């Protein structure tokens, strides 16, 4: 009896701990201002509404960590914010659960989900789109004197605009930009890049500025590189620069020419033991009101009904207002060529 009394509090504590663990969700995204906006408009309101705690973790994109967890059977994440450029491959490789689209609620104005979401937001069975975002480059008015760069060609023109360029260390976007700067039409980029000749052409164009490129791994590094003079032109997700301009008053200028826009989706990690709770979270997070908070960091909501809550003055600063100057990232292309071009890109880096 004495031993039983001794261990009872421990057993109860362990039981409560297990119950608490079962009641919480781990959501993985990109951090920074974007992560803060998701916490404010999606994660915290979900907890307030349902009582389920959401733990947020950051990652730098891609599918390597996701793949390692799923293939090892050691799944630590439940829901994940995935770039559509990675979604096709992650879904086709069985790293994500299929989401029941027919369970998505209507918009706040009563519009059925299938009509309320943009077509691209529900195009893949493994994820529900939450934002339209883009990759562009920006410059610092304090470090570029004279004529200002306003085109993708200027990014590759180190004679007129001397100094370092900073890019994220991935094949995606950099290869598209190389071809666009080399004169390939926007509508032909992926057709050209799917050929051996086109790939050689892209790497040859990158060769022209290779010695002037500073590589980074996470978008969080981009504003700092631009601010401290580590590079005169820096690539980033537009929200990172928007936040630095709006909240910190940085003298940055975003260049919309040839931006590569895409969507992010909420998806469920294959093998999570909290699939039902993850589905509940995604239905909540992609509602009209939660999505309407994303323009705070310059990302466009994927539901039409969300725009009723958006400040009209912000809409011109969203990627959706500049689609005519951009290229839609092709998830299908990167699902087919991502692995091989990733290897070629890494080999090129070492040359």
Protein backbone atom coordinates (compact mmCIF):
# COMPACT_ATOMS: atom_id res chain seq x y z
CA UNK A 1 0.00 0.00 0.00
CA UNK A 2 2.87 2.36 0.85
CA UNK A 3 4.51 1.72 -2.53
CA UNK A 4 1.19 2.27 -4.29
CA UNK A 5 0.77 5.64 -2.54
CA UNK A 6 4.33 6.51 -3.47
CA UNK A 7 3.89 5.85 -7.18
CA UNK A 8 0.30 7.08 -7.60
CA UNK A 9 1.25 10.77 -7.98
CA UNK A 10 3.89 9.83 -10.55
CA UNK A 11 1.43 7.73 -12.51
CA UNK A 12 -1.14 10.49 -12.42
CA UNK A 13 1.43 13.02 -13.56
CA UNK A 14 2.49 10.79 -16.44
CA UNK A 15 -1.12 10.24 -17.41
CA UNK A 16 -1.88 13.94 -17.39
CA UNK A 17 1.29 14.61 -19.37
CA UNK A 18 0.26 12.05 -22.01
CA UNK A 19 -3.22 13.55 -22.16
CA UNK A 20 -1.78 17.03 -22.60
CA UNK A 21 0.53 15.81 -25.35
CA UNK A 22 -2.39 14.15 -27.15
CA UNK A 23 -4.30 17.42 -26.92
CA UNK A 24 -1.67 19.56 -28.66
CA UNK A 25 -0.54 19.96 -32.25
CA UNK A 26 2.87 20.78 -33.75
CA UNK A 27 2.66 23.17 -36.69
CA UNK A 28 5.76 23.86 -38.76
CA UNK A 29 6.27 26.97 -40.86
CA UNK A 30 8.88 29.55 -41.89
CA UNK A 31 9.08 31.81 -38.85
CA UNK A 32 9.79 35.52 -39.03
CA UNK A 33 6.99 38.02 -39.64
CA UNK A 34 5.07 35.34 -41.52
CA UNK A 35 5.22 32.95 -38.61
CA UNK A 36 4.20 35.75 -36.26
CA UNK A 37 1.17 36.52 -38.44
CA UNK A 38 0.17 32.85 -38.53
CA UNK A 39 0.45 32.64 -34.76
CA UNK A 40 -1.66 35.76 -34.31
CA UNK A 41 -4.38 34.92 -36.82
CA UNK A 42 -4.38 31.12 -36.98
CA UNK A 43 -2.57 29.29 -34.17
CA UNK A 44 -3.63 31.34 -31.15
CA UNK A 45 -7.25 31.78 -32.29
CA UNK A 46 -7.47 28.02 -32.90
CA UNK A 47 -6.30 27.39 -29.33
CA UNK A 48 -8.78 29.94 -27.99
CA UNK A 49 -11.60 28.40 -30.00
CA UNK A 50 -10.91 24.71 -29.37
CA UNK A 51 -8.68 24.51 -26.30
CA UNK A 52 -6.04 22.60 -28.29
CA UNK A 53 -2.56 24.05 -27.86
CA UNK A 54 -0.50 24.53 -31.03
CA UNK A 55 3.28 24.36 -30.77
CA UNK A 56 5.02 26.23 -33.56
CA UNK A 57 8.36 25.20 -35.03
CA UNK A 58 10.38 26.75 -37.84
CA UNK A 59 12.11 25.17 -40.81
CA UNK A 60 13.75 26.53 -43.96
CA UNK A 61 11.64 24.79 -46.59
CA UNK A 62 12.25 21.88 -48.92
CA UNK A 63 11.26 18.28 -48.15
CA UNK A 64 14.45 16.80 -46.70
CA UNK A 65 13.43 17.01 -43.02
CA UNK A 66 9.89 15.93 -43.83
CA UNK A 67 11.13 12.94 -45.81
CA UNK A 68 13.54 11.89 -43.06
CA UNK A 69 10.77 11.86 -40.47
CA UNK A 70 8.26 9.95 -42.57
CA UNK A 71 10.73 7.36 -43.87
CA UNK A 72 12.17 6.73 -40.41
CA UNK A 73 8.72 6.46 -38.85
CA UNK A 74 9.77 9.10 -36.30
CA UNK A 75 7.13 11.71 -37.13
CA UNK A 76 7.53 14.77 -34.90
CA UNK A 77 5.45 17.25 -36.93
CA UNK A 78 1.69 17.23 -37.48
CA UNK A 79 0.86 20.05 -39.89
CA UNK A 80 3.31 21.81 -42.14
CA UNK A 81 3.29 24.94 -44.27
CA UNK A 82 4.66 23.81 -47.65
CA UNK A 83 5.53 25.82 -50.73
CA UNK A 84 3.55 24.49 -53.70
CA UNK A 85 6.85 24.22 -55.56
CA UNK A 86 7.67 21.41 -53.07
CA UNK A 87 4.12 20.14 -52.56
CA UNK A 88 3.79 18.14 -55.77
CA UNK A 89 6.89 16.11 -55.00
CA UNK A 90 6.08 15.65 -51.31
CA UNK A 91 2.59 14.44 -52.15
CA UNK A 92 3.68 12.13 -54.97
CA UNK A 93 6.32 10.56 -52.69
CA UNK A 94 3.72 9.80 -50.03
CA UNK A 95 5.07 12.21 -47.43
CA UNK A 96 1.71 13.92 -46.86
CA UNK A 97 -1.82 12.79 -46.05
CA UNK A 98 -4.66 13.36 -48.51
CA UNK A 99 -6.89 16.15 -47.21
CA UNK A 100 -10.72 15.76 -47.38
CA UNK A 101 -11.53 18.89 -49.41
CA UNK A 102 -15.26 18.32 -49.11
CA UNK A 103 -15.03 19.11 -45.38
CA UNK A 104 -13.82 22.71 -45.91
CA UNK A 105 -16.40 25.19 -44.60
CA UNK A 106 -17.96 27.92 -46.75
CA UNK A 107 -16.65 31.46 -46.63
CA UNK A 108 -18.00 33.93 -44.11
CA UNK A 109 -20.27 35.31 -46.84
CA UNK A 110 -21.72 31.87 -47.48
CA UNK A 111 -19.78 31.11 -50.65
CA UNK A 112 -19.07 27.34 -50.93
CA UNK A 113 -15.40 26.54 -50.40
CA UNK A 114 -14.91 25.22 -53.95
CA UNK A 115 -16.03 28.59 -55.34
CA UNK A 116 -14.42 30.73 -52.64
CA UNK A 117 -10.85 29.41 -52.88
CA UNK A 118 -8.72 30.19 -55.91
CA UNK A 119 -8.38 27.23 -58.25
CA UNK A 120 -4.68 26.80 -57.45
CA UNK A 121 -5.40 26.65 -53.70
CA UNK A 122 -7.24 23.33 -54.02
CA UNK A 123 -5.35 21.92 -57.00
CA UNK A 124 -3.41 19.29 -55.04
CA UNK A 125 -5.14 16.67 -52.92
CA UNK A 126 -2.52 16.93 -50.16
CA UNK A 127 -2.82 20.60 -49.20
CA UNK A 128 -5.10 23.61 -48.80
CA UNK A 129 -3.66 26.90 -50.03
CA UNK A 130 -3.39 29.70 -47.49
CA UNK A 131 -1.36 32.45 -49.18
CA UNK A 132 -0.16 33.77 -52.52
CA UNK A 133 3.43 34.89 -52.11
CA UNK A 134 6.40 35.55 -54.31
CA UNK A 135 10.18 35.56 -54.53
CA UNK A 136 11.65 38.82 -55.74
CA UNK A 137 14.75 40.86 -55.13
CA UNK A 138 15.21 44.16 -53.39
CA UNK A 139 17.91 46.77 -53.08
CA UNK A 140 18.87 49.25 -50.38
CA UNK A 141 18.63 52.93 -51.34
CA UNK A 142 21.56 53.62 -49.00
CA UNK A 143 23.94 51.26 -50.77
CA UNK A 144 23.01 51.70 -54.45
CA UNK A 145 23.89 55.09 -55.84
CA UNK A 146 22.74 56.59 -59.14
CA UNK A 147 20.38 54.62 -61.39
CA UNK A 148 18.30 52.05 -59.53
CA UNK A 149 17.86 48.45 -60.71
CA UNK A 150 14.35 47.76 -61.97
CA UNK A 151 14.64 44.54 -63.97
CA UNK A 152 15.89 40.98 -63.74
CA UNK A 153 18.64 41.95 -66.21
CA UNK A 154 19.94 44.49 -63.69
CA UNK A 155 20.34 41.73 -61.12
CA UNK A 156 22.82 40.03 -63.46
CA UNK A 157 24.54 43.26 -64.54
CA UNK A 158 27.52 43.57 -62.21
CA UNK A 159 29.17 46.21 -64.41
CA UNK A 160 26.40 48.76 -64.01
CA UNK A 161 25.52 47.63 -60.51
CA UNK A 162 28.70 46.34 -58.84
CA UNK A 163 28.54 44.42 -55.59
CA UNK A 164 27.39 41.13 -54.16
CA UNK A 165 24.04 39.48 -54.84
CA UNK A 166 22.48 37.22 -52.20
CA UNK A 167 20.39 34.19 -53.20
CA UNK A 168 18.86 31.31 -51.29
CA UNK A 169 20.91 28.17 -51.90
CA UNK A 170 18.39 26.26 -54.00
CA UNK A 171 17.97 25.54 -57.70
CA UNK A 172 14.40 26.82 -57.65
CA UNK A 173 13.91 30.42 -58.77
CA UNK A 174 17.61 30.92 -59.45
CA UNK A 175 17.43 28.82 -62.63
CA UNK A 176 14.22 30.51 -63.75
CA UNK A 177 15.76 33.93 -63.14
CA UNK A 178 18.89 32.99 -65.09
CA UNK A 179 16.84 32.13 -68.17
CA UNK A 180 14.62 35.20 -67.84
CA UNK A 181 17.70 37.41 -67.57
CA UNK A 182 19.09 35.67 -70.65
CA UNK A 183 16.06 36.64 -72.71
CA UNK A 184 13.73 33.64 -72.43
CA UNK A 185 10.06 34.66 -72.47
CA UNK A 186 8.10 34.09 -69.27
CA UNK A 187 5.73 31.63 -70.89
CA UNK A 188 8.64 29.54 -72.24
CA UNK A 189 10.80 29.31 -69.11
CA UNK A 190 9.80 25.81 -67.99
CA UNK A 191 9.78 24.38 -71.51
CA UNK A 192 13.34 25.61 -72.00
CA UNK A 193 14.46 24.50 -68.54
CA UNK A 194 13.17 20.99 -69.19
CA UNK A 195 15.82 20.51 -71.90
CA UNK A 196 19.50 19.69 -71.43
CA UNK A 197 20.40 22.70 -73.55
CA UNK A 198 18.18 24.99 -71.48
CA UNK A 199 19.69 23.78 -68.22
CA UNK A 200 23.20 24.42 -69.53
CA UNK A 201 22.07 27.88 -70.62
CA UNK A 202 20.74 28.65 -67.13
CA UNK A 203 23.91 27.54 -65.37
CA UNK A 204 26.01 29.45 -67.91
CA UNK A 205 24.10 32.61 -67.07
CA UNK A 206 24.57 32.02 -63.34
CA UNK A 207 28.29 31.54 -64.07
CA UNK A 208 28.46 35.18 -65.15
CA UNK A 209 27.77 36.35 -61.57
CA UNK A 210 28.88 33.29 -59.59
CA UNK A 211 31.82 35.06 -57.97
CA UNK A 212 29.47 37.81 -56.79
CA UNK A 213 26.84 35.59 -55.18
CA UNK A 214 26.43 35.25 -51.42
CA UNK A 215 24.43 32.13 -50.58
CA UNK A 216 22.07 31.77 -47.63
CA UNK A 217 19.78 29.01 -46.36
CA UNK A 218 16.85 30.79 -44.74
CA UNK A 219 14.69 33.76 -45.74
CA UNK A 220 15.33 35.17 -42.28
CA UNK A 221 18.88 36.02 -43.37
CA UNK A 222 17.82 38.10 -46.37
CA UNK A 223 16.85 41.45 -44.77
CA UNK A 224 19.99 41.44 -42.65
CA UNK A 225 22.22 40.91 -45.67
CA UNK A 226 20.56 43.85 -47.41
CA UNK A 227 20.68 46.02 -44.32
CA UNK A 228 24.34 45.49 -43.39
CA UNK A 229 25.69 45.73 -46.93
CA UNK A 230 26.50 42.05 -47.26
CA UNK A 231 24.90 42.30 -50.70
CA UNK A 232 23.53 45.17 -52.81
CA UNK A 233 20.65 43.08 -54.18
CA UNK A 234 19.02 40.31 -52.20
CA UNK A 235 16.49 37.64 -53.07
CA UNK A 236 13.69 36.89 -50.62
CA UNK A 237 10.05 36.10 -50.09
CA UNK A 238 8.32 39.45 -50.47
CA UNK A 239 6.91 39.41 -46.93
CA UNK A 240 10.38 39.60 -45.37
CA UNK A 241 11.15 42.86 -47.16
CA UNK A 242 7.65 44.23 -46.62
CA UNK A 243 8.01 43.70 -42.89
CA UNK A 244 11.43 45.38 -42.79
CA UNK A 245 10.07 48.37 -44.70
CA UNK A 246 6.79 48.73 -42.82
CA UNK A 247 7.80 47.88 -39.25
CA UNK A 248 11.46 48.88 -39.19
CA UNK A 249 11.49 51.70 -41.73
CA UNK A 250 14.29 50.15 -43.77
CA UNK A 251 15.15 51.99 -47.02
CA UNK A 252 14.54 48.89 -49.14
CA UNK A 253 12.89 48.84 -52.57
CA UNK A 254 11.24 45.69 -53.91
CA UNK A 255 11.56 44.96 -57.64
CA UNK A 256 8.54 43.17 -59.10
CA UNK A 257 9.96 42.41 -62.54
CA UNK A 258 10.15 38.62 -63.12
CA UNK A 259 9.12 37.75 -59.58
CA UNK A 260 8.30 34.03 -59.24
CA UNK A 261 5.02 33.70 -57.39
CA UNK A 262 3.48 30.67 -55.81
CA UNK A 263 1.19 29.51 -53.04
CA UNK A 264 1.85 28.02 -49.65
CA UNK A 265 -0.47 25.35 -48.33
CA UNK A 266 -1.22 23.77 -44.99
CA UNK A 267 -0.67 20.02 -45.24
CA UNK A 268 -0.67 17.05 -42.87
CA UNK A 269 2.48 15.01 -42.32
CA UNK A 270 2.03 11.36 -43.29
CA UNK A 271 1.97 9.14 -40.22
CA UNK A 272 0.99 11.74 -37.63
CA UNK A 273 -1.06 10.29 -34.80
CA UNK A 274 -3.13 13.48 -34.72
CA UNK A 275 -4.59 13.42 -38.21
CA UNK A 276 -8.15 14.34 -37.15
CA UNK A 277 -6.92 17.27 -35.05
CA UNK A 278 -4.66 18.39 -37.92
CA UNK A 279 -7.65 18.37 -40.28
CA UNK A 280 -9.62 20.44 -37.79
CA UNK A 281 -6.78 22.95 -37.57
CA UNK A 282 -6.52 23.33 -41.36
CA UNK A 283 -10.26 23.88 -41.71
CA UNK A 284 -10.01 26.63 -39.09
CA UNK A 285 -6.76 28.21 -40.34
CA UNK A 286 -8.02 28.50 -43.94
CA UNK A 287 -11.26 30.22 -42.94
CA UNK A 288 -12.07 33.71 -44.22
CA UNK A 289 -11.10 35.58 -41.06
CA UNK A 290 -7.78 33.80 -40.29
CA UNK A 291 -6.67 34.19 -43.92
CA UNK A 292 -7.49 37.89 -43.89
CA UNK A 293 -4.60 38.45 -41.48
CA UNK A 294 -1.94 37.39 -43.99
CA UNK A 295 -1.85 40.75 -45.84
CA UNK A 296 -0.30 42.15 -42.67
CA UNK A 297 2.91 40.62 -44.02
CA UNK A 298 2.02 41.28 -47.70
CA UNK A 299 0.77 37.81 -48.59
CA UNK A 300 -2.52 37.44 -50.41
CA UNK A 301 -5.36 35.29 -49.00
CA UNK A 302 -6.50 32.37 -51.14
CA UNK A 303 -10.21 32.90 -50.36
CA UNK A 304 -12.18 35.66 -52.07
CA UNK A 305 -14.32 36.10 -48.96
CA UNK A 306 -11.23 37.03 -46.92
CA UNK A 307 -10.73 40.28 -48.81
CA UNK A 308 -13.79 41.86 -47.16
CA UNK A 309 -11.64 42.17 -44.03
CA UNK A 310 -8.49 43.48 -45.76
CA UNK A 311 -7.46 47.15 -45.66
CA UNK A 312 -7.89 48.37 -49.29
CA UNK A 313 -4.64 50.35 -49.05
CA UNK A 314 -2.66 47.12 -48.57
CA UNK A 315 -4.04 45.30 -51.62
CA UNK A 316 -1.70 47.05 -54.15
CA UNK A 317 1.27 45.77 -52.13
CA UNK A 318 0.23 42.12 -52.44
CA UNK A 319 1.77 39.79 -55.05
CA UNK A 320 -1.69 39.26 -56.48
CA UNK A 321 -1.60 42.88 -57.68
CA UNK A 322 1.56 42.27 -59.75
CA UNK A 323 0.93 38.89 -61.38
CA UNK A 324 1.32 40.41 -64.85
CA UNK A 325 5.01 41.08 -64.09
CA UNK A 326 5.68 37.63 -62.67
CA UNK A 327 5.99 33.95 -63.46
CA UNK A 328 3.88 31.28 -61.76
CA UNK A 329 6.21 28.71 -60.20
CA UNK A 330 5.54 25.26 -61.64
CA UNK A 331 5.11 22.62 -58.98
CA UNK A 332 4.69 19.98 -61.68
CA UNK A 333 8.03 20.91 -63.23
CA UNK A 334 9.88 20.81 -59.93
CA UNK A 335 8.23 17.53 -58.99
CA UNK A 336 9.65 16.02 -62.18
CA UNK A 337 13.03 17.77 -62.27
CA UNK A 338 13.63 18.86 -58.67
CA UNK A 339 15.86 15.97 -57.66
CA UNK A 340 18.03 15.95 -60.79
CA UNK A 341 18.37 19.73 -60.96
CA UNK A 342 19.06 19.88 -57.24
CA UNK A 343 21.99 17.52 -57.78
CA UNK A 344 23.24 19.50 -60.77
CA UNK A 345 22.92 22.72 -58.78
CA UNK A 346 24.96 21.31 -55.88
CA UNK A 347 27.60 20.06 -58.31
CA UNK A 348 27.72 23.49 -59.93
CA UNK A 349 28.21 25.14 -56.54
CA UNK A 350 31.33 23.02 -55.98
CA UNK A 351 32.90 23.79 -59.35
